[in-house]
Amino acid sequence: MRLFYLLGLFSLVIAPVANADIMRELSRLDGYTITHTGTVTGYIDEDGEEQDSYRGCDYDRVLIVDDKLRVTCKEYDYNYASSPTIIILERWGRAIAIIDEEVYSVSLD
């Protein structure tokens, strides 16, 4: 029952071929609480300048969420999306973010 709630919560459309992958990915979220949902509105580049795009996560890259919240990536994955939705979840002092259907380890600033 709890898994079906999560599926509805994230508004996932499950294709039969991808069903096993989605179920495996969702099982990693057991015990997490959603603490914020919003939009990635930019990031801080290497020169400390705010950029108004999303270029994926890079180690220690600071993402700007809803023009105010800062989230720091703890892993690398290049991805480009225009103002993607971000869902931040926390459990036992650990935070993860789901951005454009990818799960990232992050810290909250």
N, C-alpha and C. Protein backbone atom coordinates (compact mmCIF):
# COMPACT_ATOMS: atom_id res chain seq x y z
N MET A 1 0.82 -1.19 0.00
CA MET A 1 0.00 0.00 0.00
C MET A 1 0.87 1.26 0.00
N ARG A 2 1.93 1.27 0.80
CA ARG A 2 2.82 2.42 0.90
C ARG A 2 3.50 2.72 -0.44
N LEU A 3 3.91 1.68 -1.16
CA LEU A 3 4.57 1.85 -2.44
C LEU A 3 3.62 2.48 -3.45
N PHE A 4 2.37 2.07 -3.46
CA PHE A 4 1.40 2.64 -4.38
C PHE A 4 1.16 4.12 -4.06
N TYR A 5 1.23 4.48 -2.78
CA TYR A 5 1.11 5.87 -2.38
C TYR A 5 2.27 6.68 -2.96
N LEU A 6 3.50 6.15 -2.86
CA LEU A 6 4.65 6.82 -3.42
C LEU A 6 4.52 6.98 -4.93
N LEU A 7 4.06 5.95 -5.59
CA LEU A 7 3.89 6.03 -7.04
C LEU A 7 2.93 7.14 -7.42
N GLY A 8 1.83 7.24 -6.71
CA GLY A 8 0.88 8.31 -6.98
C GLY A 8 1.45 9.66 -6.63
N LEU A 9 2.21 9.73 -5.54
CA LEU A 9 2.79 10.97 -5.08
C LEU A 9 3.73 11.57 -6.10
N PHE A 10 4.53 10.76 -6.72
CA PHE A 10 5.50 11.24 -7.69
C PHE A 10 4.92 11.28 -9.11
N SER A 11 3.65 10.92 -9.26
CA SER A 11 2.97 10.97 -10.55
C SER A 11 3.75 10.24 -11.64
N LEU A 12 4.21 9.05 -11.32
CA LEU A 12 4.97 8.26 -12.28
C LEU A 12 4.03 7.49 -13.19
N VAL A 13 4.38 7.44 -14.43
CA VAL A 13 3.67 6.59 -15.38
C VAL A 13 4.57 5.40 -15.62
N ILE A 14 4.10 4.22 -15.26
CA ILE A 14 4.94 3.03 -15.30
C ILE A 14 4.69 2.26 -16.59
N ALA A 15 5.73 2.14 -17.39
CA ALA A 15 5.68 1.30 -18.57
C ALA A 15 6.06 -0.11 -18.14
N PRO A 16 5.44 -1.13 -18.71
CA PRO A 16 5.72 -2.50 -18.29
C PRO A 16 7.20 -2.86 -18.32
N VAL A 17 7.95 -2.38 -19.30
CA VAL A 17 9.37 -2.72 -19.41
C VAL A 17 10.16 -2.08 -18.29
N ALA A 18 9.82 -0.87 -17.89
CA ALA A 18 10.58 -0.13 -16.88
C ALA A 18 10.10 -0.40 -15.46
N ASN A 19 9.07 -1.19 -15.30
CA ASN A 19 8.46 -1.42 -13.99
C ASN A 19 9.48 -1.89 -12.96
N ALA A 20 10.32 -2.85 -13.29
CA ALA A 20 11.31 -3.37 -12.34
C ALA A 20 12.31 -2.30 -11.95
N ASP A 21 12.75 -1.48 -12.88
CA ASP A 21 13.70 -0.41 -12.58
C ASP A 21 13.09 0.62 -11.65
N ILE A 22 11.86 1.00 -11.88
CA ILE A 22 11.20 1.99 -11.03
C ILE A 22 10.99 1.43 -9.64
N MET A 23 10.57 0.18 -9.53
CA MET A 23 10.36 -0.43 -8.23
C MET A 23 11.67 -0.50 -7.44
N ARG A 24 12.75 -0.84 -8.11
CA ARG A 24 14.06 -0.92 -7.45
C ARG A 24 14.48 0.47 -6.97
N GLU A 25 14.28 1.49 -7.81
CA GLU A 25 14.64 2.85 -7.44
C GLU A 25 13.80 3.36 -6.27
N LEU A 26 12.50 3.11 -6.30
CA LEU A 26 11.63 3.55 -5.22
C LEU A 26 11.94 2.86 -3.90
N SER A 27 12.42 1.62 -3.93
CA SER A 27 12.74 0.93 -2.69
C SER A 27 13.87 1.64 -1.94
N ARG A 28 14.72 2.37 -2.65
CA ARG A 28 15.79 3.16 -2.01
C ARG A 28 15.24 4.31 -1.18
N LEU A 29 13.99 4.69 -1.42
CA LEU A 29 13.40 5.85 -0.75
C LEU A 29 12.64 5.50 0.53
N ASP A 30 12.61 4.24 0.88
CA ASP A 30 11.87 3.81 2.07
C ASP A 30 12.38 4.54 3.32
N GLY A 31 11.49 5.15 4.05
CA GLY A 31 11.84 5.84 5.28
C GLY A 31 12.15 7.31 5.11
N TYR A 32 12.30 7.79 3.89
CA TYR A 32 12.56 9.21 3.66
C TYR A 32 11.26 10.02 3.78
N THR A 33 11.41 11.27 4.17
CA THR A 33 10.29 12.20 4.25
C THR A 33 10.54 13.33 3.26
N ILE A 34 9.51 13.68 2.50
CA ILE A 34 9.64 14.80 1.59
C ILE A 34 9.65 16.08 2.41
N THR A 35 10.71 16.88 2.25
CA THR A 35 10.82 18.12 3.01
C THR A 35 10.66 19.36 2.13
N HIS A 36 10.77 19.20 0.82
CA HIS A 36 10.59 20.34 -0.07
C HIS A 36 10.34 19.85 -1.50
N THR A 37 9.46 20.51 -2.18
CA THR A 37 9.29 20.31 -3.62
C THR A 37 9.34 21.69 -4.26
N GLY A 38 9.95 21.76 -5.41
CA GLY A 38 10.06 23.05 -6.07
C GLY A 38 10.68 22.91 -7.44
N THR A 39 11.36 23.96 -7.86
CA THR A 39 11.97 24.03 -9.18
C THR A 39 13.43 24.46 -9.04
N VAL A 40 14.31 23.79 -9.77
CA VAL A 40 15.71 24.23 -9.82
C VAL A 40 15.73 25.47 -10.72
N THR A 41 16.06 26.61 -10.14
CA THR A 41 16.04 27.87 -10.89
C THR A 41 17.43 28.33 -11.31
N GLY A 42 18.47 27.58 -10.91
CA GLY A 42 19.82 27.92 -11.33
C GLY A 42 20.87 27.20 -10.51
N TYR A 43 22.11 27.65 -10.67
CA TYR A 43 23.23 27.09 -9.91
C TYR A 43 24.31 28.15 -9.78
N ILE A 44 25.27 27.90 -8.89
CA ILE A 44 26.41 28.79 -8.71
C ILE A 44 27.58 28.20 -9.48
N ASP A 45 28.15 28.96 -10.42
CA ASP A 45 29.25 28.42 -11.23
C ASP A 45 30.58 28.50 -10.47
N GLU A 46 31.66 28.07 -11.13
CA GLU A 46 32.99 28.00 -10.50
C GLU A 46 33.49 29.38 -10.06
N ASP A 47 33.01 30.44 -10.70
CA ASP A 47 33.42 31.79 -10.36
C ASP A 47 32.53 32.43 -9.29
N GLY A 48 31.58 31.66 -8.77
CA GLY A 48 30.68 32.18 -7.75
C GLY A 48 29.52 32.97 -8.30
N GLU A 49 29.33 32.93 -9.61
CA GLU A 49 28.25 33.66 -10.26
C GLU A 49 27.00 32.79 -10.37
N GLU A 50 25.85 33.41 -10.16
CA GLU A 50 24.59 32.68 -10.31
C GLU A 50 24.26 32.52 -11.79
N GLN A 51 23.91 31.30 -12.16
CA GLN A 51 23.47 30.99 -13.52
C GLN A 51 22.00 30.60 -13.45
N ASP A 52 21.23 30.93 -14.48
CA ASP A 52 19.80 30.66 -14.44
C ASP A 52 19.41 29.45 -15.28
N SER A 53 20.21 28.39 -15.17
CA SER A 53 19.93 27.16 -15.91
C SER A 53 20.24 25.97 -14.99
N TYR A 54 20.04 24.79 -15.52
CA TYR A 54 20.38 23.56 -14.78
C TYR A 54 21.28 22.73 -15.67
N ARG A 55 22.43 22.38 -15.17
CA ARG A 55 23.41 21.59 -15.91
C ARG A 55 23.80 20.32 -15.15
N GLY A 56 22.87 19.78 -14.40
CA GLY A 56 23.15 18.55 -13.66
C GLY A 56 23.87 18.81 -12.36
N CYS A 57 24.22 17.73 -11.69
CA CYS A 57 24.96 17.81 -10.43
C CYS A 57 26.44 17.60 -10.71
N ASP A 58 27.26 18.30 -9.98
CA ASP A 58 28.70 18.08 -9.98
C ASP A 58 29.11 18.15 -8.51
N TYR A 59 30.23 17.53 -8.16
CA TYR A 59 30.66 17.54 -6.77
C TYR A 59 30.73 18.98 -6.25
N ASP A 60 30.04 19.24 -5.17
CA ASP A 60 30.01 20.55 -4.49
C ASP A 60 29.36 21.67 -5.30
N ARG A 61 28.65 21.36 -6.39
CA ARG A 61 27.90 22.38 -7.11
C ARG A 61 26.69 22.76 -6.28
N VAL A 62 26.47 24.05 -6.13
CA VAL A 62 25.33 24.56 -5.38
C VAL A 62 24.19 24.85 -6.36
N LEU A 63 23.08 24.17 -6.16
CA LEU A 63 21.89 24.41 -6.96
C LEU A 63 21.00 25.41 -6.23
N ILE A 64 20.34 26.25 -7.00
CA ILE A 64 19.40 27.22 -6.44
C ILE A 64 18.00 26.70 -6.70
N VAL A 65 17.22 26.57 -5.63
CA VAL A 65 15.87 26.05 -5.73
C VAL A 65 14.88 27.16 -5.37
N ASP A 66 13.94 27.40 -6.25
CA ASP A 66 12.91 28.43 -6.03
C ASP A 66 13.52 29.79 -5.72
N ASP A 67 14.66 30.09 -6.31
CA ASP A 67 15.36 31.37 -6.15
C ASP A 67 15.80 31.69 -4.73
N LYS A 68 15.75 30.72 -3.80
CA LYS A 68 16.14 31.03 -2.42
C LYS A 68 16.86 29.90 -1.70
N LEU A 69 16.42 28.67 -1.84
CA LEU A 69 17.01 27.53 -1.14
C LEU A 69 18.28 27.08 -1.86
N ARG A 70 19.31 26.73 -1.11
CA ARG A 70 20.57 26.24 -1.68
C ARG A 70 20.73 24.76 -1.36
N VAL A 71 21.05 23.98 -2.37
CA VAL A 71 21.26 22.54 -2.24
C VAL A 71 22.60 22.21 -2.87
N THR A 72 23.48 21.50 -2.14
CA THR A 72 24.80 21.17 -2.65
C THR A 72 24.85 19.71 -3.09
N CYS A 73 25.26 19.50 -4.34
CA CYS A 73 25.39 18.14 -4.89
C CYS A 73 26.59 17.44 -4.28
N LYS A 74 26.45 16.16 -4.01
CA LYS A 74 27.52 15.35 -3.45
C LYS A 74 27.99 14.27 -4.42
N GLU A 75 27.53 14.35 -5.67
CA GLU A 75 27.95 13.40 -6.70
C GLU A 75 27.83 14.05 -8.06
N TYR A 76 28.37 13.38 -9.08
CA TYR A 76 28.39 13.93 -10.43
C TYR A 76 27.43 13.18 -11.35
N ASP A 77 26.70 13.95 -12.14
CA ASP A 77 25.91 13.40 -13.23
C ASP A 77 25.51 14.57 -14.12
N TYR A 78 25.98 14.58 -15.35
CA TYR A 78 25.61 15.67 -16.26
C TYR A 78 24.20 15.44 -16.76
N ASN A 79 23.42 16.48 -16.69
CA ASN A 79 22.05 16.42 -17.17
C ASN A 79 21.64 17.86 -17.48
N TYR A 80 20.89 18.04 -18.52
CA TYR A 80 20.39 19.37 -18.83
C TYR A 80 18.87 19.31 -18.85
N ALA A 81 18.25 20.24 -18.20
CA ALA A 81 16.79 20.35 -18.22
C ALA A 81 16.43 21.81 -17.99
N SER A 82 15.35 22.22 -18.54
CA SER A 82 14.88 23.59 -18.36
C SER A 82 13.96 23.67 -17.14
N SER A 83 14.43 24.31 -16.10
CA SER A 83 13.68 24.48 -14.85
C SER A 83 13.05 23.18 -14.36
N PRO A 84 13.88 22.15 -14.08
CA PRO A 84 13.31 20.87 -13.66
C PRO A 84 12.72 20.92 -12.25
N THR A 85 11.77 20.07 -12.02
CA THR A 85 11.19 19.90 -10.69
C THR A 85 12.21 19.18 -9.82
N ILE A 86 12.28 19.59 -8.56
CA ILE A 86 13.15 18.93 -7.59
C ILE A 86 12.30 18.52 -6.39
N ILE A 87 12.53 17.31 -5.92
CA ILE A 87 11.89 16.81 -4.70
C ILE A 87 13.01 16.48 -3.74
N ILE A 88 13.03 17.12 -2.58
CA ILE A 88 14.07 16.88 -1.58
C ILE A 88 13.49 16.02 -0.49
N LEU A 89 14.23 14.94 -0.16
CA LEU A 89 13.80 14.00 0.87
C LEU A 89 14.91 13.88 1.90
N GLU A 90 14.53 13.69 3.16
CA GLU A 90 15.51 13.54 4.24
C GLU A 90 15.18 12.34 5.11
N ARG A 91 16.25 11.72 5.62
CA ARG A 91 16.13 10.60 6.55
C ARG A 91 17.39 10.56 7.40
N TRP A 92 17.23 10.61 8.70
CA TRP A 92 18.34 10.49 9.65
C TRP A 92 19.50 11.42 9.32
N GLY A 93 19.19 12.67 8.98
CA GLY A 93 20.22 13.65 8.70
C GLY A 93 20.84 13.57 7.31
N ARG A 94 20.36 12.66 6.51
CA ARG A 94 20.85 12.51 5.14
C ARG A 94 19.80 13.04 4.18
N ALA A 95 20.23 13.72 3.12
CA ALA A 95 19.29 14.27 2.15
C ALA A 95 19.59 13.72 0.76
N ILE A 96 18.52 13.52 0.01
CA ILE A 96 18.64 13.17 -1.40
C ILE A 96 17.67 14.06 -2.18
N ALA A 97 17.94 14.20 -3.45
CA ALA A 97 17.07 15.00 -4.30
C ALA A 97 16.73 14.20 -5.55
N ILE A 98 15.49 14.29 -5.96
CA ILE A 98 15.07 13.70 -7.23
C ILE A 98 14.90 14.87 -8.18
N ILE A 99 15.72 14.87 -9.23
CA ILE A 99 15.70 15.94 -10.22
C ILE A 99 15.61 15.28 -11.59
N ASP A 100 14.60 15.63 -12.33
CA ASP A 100 14.45 15.13 -13.69
C ASP A 100 14.61 13.60 -13.74
N GLU A 101 13.94 12.92 -12.81
CA GLU A 101 13.87 11.46 -12.71
C GLU A 101 15.18 10.80 -12.28
N GLU A 102 16.16 11.57 -11.81
CA GLU A 102 17.41 11.02 -11.29
C GLU A 102 17.50 11.29 -9.79
N VAL A 103 18.11 10.38 -9.05
CA VAL A 103 18.26 10.53 -7.60
C VAL A 103 19.72 10.91 -7.29
N TYR A 104 19.90 11.98 -6.52
CA TYR A 104 21.21 12.49 -6.18
C TYR A 104 21.37 12.61 -4.67
N SER A 105 22.57 12.34 -4.17
CA SER A 105 22.90 12.62 -2.80
C SER A 105 23.25 14.10 -2.71
N VAL A 106 22.64 14.81 -1.75
CA VAL A 106 22.84 16.26 -1.61
C VAL A 106 22.97 16.63 -0.14
N SER A 107 23.38 17.86 0.09
CA SER A 107 23.31 18.44 1.43
C SER A 107 22.56 19.75 1.32
N LEU A 108 21.93 20.14 2.41
CA LEU A 108 21.14 21.37 2.42
C LEU A 108 21.94 22.48 3.06
N ASP A 109 22.00 23.62 2.41
CA ASP A 109 22.78 24.75 2.92
C ASP A 109 21.87 25.70 3.67
